Amino acid sequence: MSDAEIVRLDQVVETARGSSESYHEFLRRGMFSVGVYRLAAGDADQQVPHAEDEVYHVLSGRAQLQIEGTGHPVEAGSIAFVAKHVEHRFTDITEDLEVVVLFAPPETGE
């Protein structure tokens, strides 16, 4: 493992778009993991609380980020933090949503 890694976000997003999965992880290191999460307009976000803290950076789209029952509008440029074990999901997705997600520690799927 090298001490540094450079990725091109446009290439990572393009790879994620070519995947049939809604989440595409592109970087994993000791203390964090990073991926692109994609949801189409009108989709239902099925995620459940994670065992990791999360930072979301919305690249494109519009939605509500429901955090413990309270809706927060998000769009391109929005950055949100959600602590581990907190109930949250994207709702009212009115434009295809592409989000960079940073998990700390690395996402385990639990």
C-alpha atoms as a PDB file:
ATOM      1  CA  MET A   1       0.000   0.000   0.000  1.00  0.00           C
ATOM      2  CA  SER A   2       1.386   3.376  -0.982  1.00  0.00           C
ATOM      3  CA  ASP A   3       1.439   6.440   1.270  1.00  0.00           C
ATOM      4  CA  ALA A   4      -0.688   8.424  -1.179  1.00  0.00           C
ATOM      5  CA  GLU A   5      -3.248   7.888  -3.886  1.00  0.00           C
ATOM      6  CA  ILE A   6      -4.766  10.267  -6.393  1.00  0.00           C
ATOM      7  CA  VAL A   7      -8.086   9.521  -8.076  1.00  0.00           C
ATOM      8  CA  ARG A   8     -10.029  11.470 -10.675  1.00  0.00           C
ATOM      9  CA  LEU A   9     -13.561  11.993  -9.457  1.00  0.00           C
ATOM     10  CA  ASP A  10     -14.959  12.175 -13.002  1.00  0.00           C
ATOM     11  CA  GLN A  11     -13.501   8.720 -13.743  1.00  0.00           C
ATOM     12  CA  VAL A  12     -14.771   7.277 -10.459  1.00  0.00           C
ATOM     13  CA  VAL A  13     -18.286   8.610 -11.114  1.00  0.00           C
ATOM     14  CA  GLU A  14     -18.220   7.255 -14.671  1.00  0.00           C
ATOM     15  CA  THR A  15     -17.268   3.806 -13.349  1.00  0.00           C
ATOM     16  CA  ALA A  16     -20.071   4.015 -10.775  1.00  0.00           C
ATOM     17  CA  ARG A  17     -22.552   4.911 -13.526  1.00  0.00           C
ATOM     18  CA  GLY A  18     -21.542   1.754 -15.395  1.00  0.00           C
ATOM     19  CA  SER A  19     -22.239  -0.434 -12.378  1.00  0.00           C
ATOM     20  CA  SER A  20     -25.562  -2.102 -11.620  1.00  0.00           C
ATOM     21  CA  GLU A  21     -24.976  -1.419  -7.913  1.00  0.00           C
ATOM     22  CA  SER A  22     -26.110   1.801  -6.239  1.00  0.00           C
ATOM     23  CA  TYR A  23     -22.870   2.044  -4.196  1.00  0.00           C
ATOM     24  CA  HIS A  24     -19.381   1.887  -5.707  1.00  0.00           C
ATOM     25  CA  GLU A  25     -16.453   2.012  -3.279  1.00  0.00           C
ATOM     26  CA  PHE A  26     -13.294   3.455  -4.810  1.00  0.00           C
ATOM     27  CA  LEU A  27     -10.917   4.001  -1.901  1.00  0.00           C
ATOM     28  CA  ARG A  28     -10.285   2.135   1.346  1.00  0.00           C
ATOM     29  CA  ARG A  29      -7.537   2.893   3.841  1.00  0.00           C
ATOM     30  CA  GLY A  30      -6.966   2.145   7.511  1.00  0.00           C
ATOM     31  CA  MET A  31      -9.276   4.774   9.017  1.00  0.00           C
ATOM     32  CA  PHE A  32     -11.863   5.367   6.247  1.00  0.00           C
ATOM     33  CA  SER A  33     -13.487   4.241   3.015  1.00  0.00           C
ATOM     34  CA  VAL A  34     -14.969   6.340   0.203  1.00  0.00           C
ATOM     35  CA  GLY A  35     -17.518   5.543  -2.469  1.00  0.00           C
ATOM     36  CA  VAL A  36     -20.113   6.961  -4.811  1.00  0.00           C
ATOM     37  CA  TYR A  37     -23.784   6.390  -3.952  1.00  0.00           C
ATOM     38  CA  ARG A  38     -26.301   6.812  -6.774  1.00  0.00           C
ATOM     39  CA  LEU A  39     -30.092   6.925  -6.647  1.00  0.00           C
ATOM     40  CA  ALA A  40     -32.396   7.719  -9.555  1.00  0.00           C
ATOM     41  CA  ALA A  41     -35.178  10.273  -9.267  1.00  0.00           C
ATOM     42  CA  GLY A  42     -38.113   8.641  -7.531  1.00  0.00           C
ATOM     43  CA  ASP A  43     -36.059   5.779  -6.065  1.00  0.00           C
ATOM     44  CA  ALA A  44     -36.589   4.653  -2.483  1.00  0.00           C
ATOM     45  CA  ASP A  45     -33.376   4.700  -0.433  1.00  0.00           C
ATOM     46  CA  GLN A  46     -33.299   1.430   1.512  1.00  0.00           C
ATOM     47  CA  GLN A  47     -30.247   2.141   3.667  1.00  0.00           C
ATOM     48  CA  VAL A  48     -30.298   1.436   7.383  1.00  0.00           C
ATOM     49  CA  PRO A  49     -28.126   3.028  10.085  1.00  0.00           C
ATOM     50  CA  HIS A  50     -24.451   2.190   9.756  1.00  0.00           C
ATOM     51  CA  ALA A  51     -21.857   1.274  12.357  1.00  0.00           C
ATOM     52  CA  GLU A  52     -19.675   4.106  11.008  1.00  0.00           C
ATOM     53  CA  ASP A  53     -19.820   7.899  10.912  1.00  0.00           C
ATOM     54  CA  GLU A  54     -20.555   9.266   7.427  1.00  0.00           C
ATOM     55  CA  VAL A  55     -19.898  12.428   5.472  1.00  0.00           C
ATOM     56  CA  TYR A  56     -21.976  12.968   2.336  1.00  0.00           C
ATOM     57  CA  HIS A  57     -20.952  15.361  -0.449  1.00  0.00           C
ATOM     58  CA  VAL A  58     -23.719  15.760  -3.027  1.00  0.00           C
ATOM     59  CA  LEU A  59     -22.271  15.962  -6.541  1.00  0.00           C
ATOM     60  CA  SER A  60     -25.577  16.268  -8.391  1.00  0.00           C
ATOM     61  CA  GLY A  61     -29.306  15.917  -7.916  1.00  0.00           C
ATOM     62  CA  ARG A  62     -31.891  17.041  -5.373  1.00  0.00           C
ATOM     63  CA  ALA A  63     -33.470  15.218  -2.455  1.00  0.00           C
ATOM     64  CA  GLN A  64     -34.303  15.392   1.216  1.00  0.00           C
ATOM     65  CA  LEU A  65     -31.904  13.781   3.669  1.00  0.00           C
ATOM     66  CA  GLN A  66     -34.128  12.505   6.456  1.00  0.00           C
ATOM     67  CA  ILE A  67     -32.161  12.371   9.713  1.00  0.00           C
ATOM     68  CA  GLU A  68     -34.100  10.933  12.625  1.00  0.00           C
ATOM     69  CA  GLY A  69     -37.385  12.014  11.000  1.00  0.00           C
ATOM     70  CA  THR A  70     -36.354  15.562  10.080  1.00  0.00           C
ATOM     71  CA  GLY A  71     -35.946  16.435   6.399  1.00  0.00           C
ATOM     72  CA  HIS A  72     -32.988  18.470   5.203  1.00  0.00           C
ATOM     73  CA  PRO A  73     -32.904  19.595   1.557  1.00  0.00           C
ATOM     74  CA  VAL A  74     -29.708  18.619  -0.261  1.00  0.00           C
ATOM     75  CA  GLU A  75     -28.438  19.439  -3.737  1.00  0.00           C
ATOM     76  CA  ALA A  76     -25.147  19.718  -5.602  1.00  0.00           C
ATOM     77  CA  GLY A  77     -22.583  21.187  -3.229  1.00  0.00           C
ATOM     78  CA  SER A  78     -24.333  20.110  -0.018  1.00  0.00           C
ATOM     79  CA  ILE A  79     -22.196  18.398   2.623  1.00  0.00           C
ATOM     80  CA  ALA A  80     -23.777  16.505   5.497  1.00  0.00           C
ATOM     81  CA  PHE A  81     -22.488  14.553   8.491  1.00  0.00           C
ATOM     82  CA  VAL A  82     -24.435  11.651  10.015  1.00  0.00           C
ATOM     83  CA  ALA A  83     -23.131   9.943  13.156  1.00  0.00           C
ATOM     84  CA  LYS A  84     -22.984   6.169  13.401  1.00  0.00           C
ATOM     85  CA  HIS A  85     -26.212   4.347  14.329  1.00  0.00           C
ATOM     86  CA  VAL A  86     -28.389   7.388  13.464  1.00  0.00           C
ATOM     87  CA  GLU A  87     -31.499   6.658  11.368  1.00  0.00           C
ATOM     88  CA  HIS A  88     -31.223   8.410   8.000  1.00  0.00           C
ATOM     89  CA  ARG A  89     -32.043   8.041   4.312  1.00  0.00           C
ATOM     90  CA  PHE A  90     -32.600  10.088   1.178  1.00  0.00           C
ATOM     91  CA  THR A  91     -36.258  10.772   0.321  1.00  0.00           C
ATOM     92  CA  ASP A  92     -38.150  12.885  -2.215  1.00  0.00           C
ATOM     93  CA  ILE A  93     -35.423  12.353  -4.807  1.00  0.00           C
ATOM     94  CA  THR A  94     -36.546  14.751  -7.526  1.00  0.00           C
ATOM     95  CA  GLU A  95     -33.348  14.674  -9.624  1.00  0.00           C
ATOM     96  CA  ASP A  96     -30.927  11.751 -10.038  1.00  0.00           C
ATOM     97  CA  LEU A  97     -28.669  11.837  -6.998  1.00  0.00           C
ATOM     98  CA  GLU A  98     -24.901  11.213  -7.032  1.00  0.00           C
ATOM     99  CA  VAL A  99     -23.167  11.464  -3.679  1.00  0.00           C
ATOM    100  CA  VAL A 100     -19.606  10.868  -2.500  1.00  0.00           C
ATOM    101  CA  VAL A 101     -19.766   9.061   0.839  1.00  0.00           C
ATOM    102  CA  LEU A 102     -16.871   8.919   3.305  1.00  0.00           C
ATOM    103  CA  PHE A 103     -17.168   6.307   6.070  1.00  0.00           C
ATOM    104  CA  ALA A 104     -14.967   6.413   9.165  1.00  0.00           C
ATOM    105  CA  PRO A 105     -13.924   3.802  10.099  1.00  0.00           C
ATOM    106  CA  PRO A 106     -14.272   1.910   6.785  1.00  0.00           C
ATOM    107  CA  GLU A 107     -17.786   0.786   5.902  1.00  0.00           C
ATOM    108  CA  THR A 108     -18.587  -2.753   7.031  1.00  0.00           C
ATOM    109  CA  GLY A 109     -22.154  -3.127   5.774  1.00  0.00           C
ATOM    110  CA  GLU A 110     -23.475  -3.586   9.318  1.00  0.00           C
END
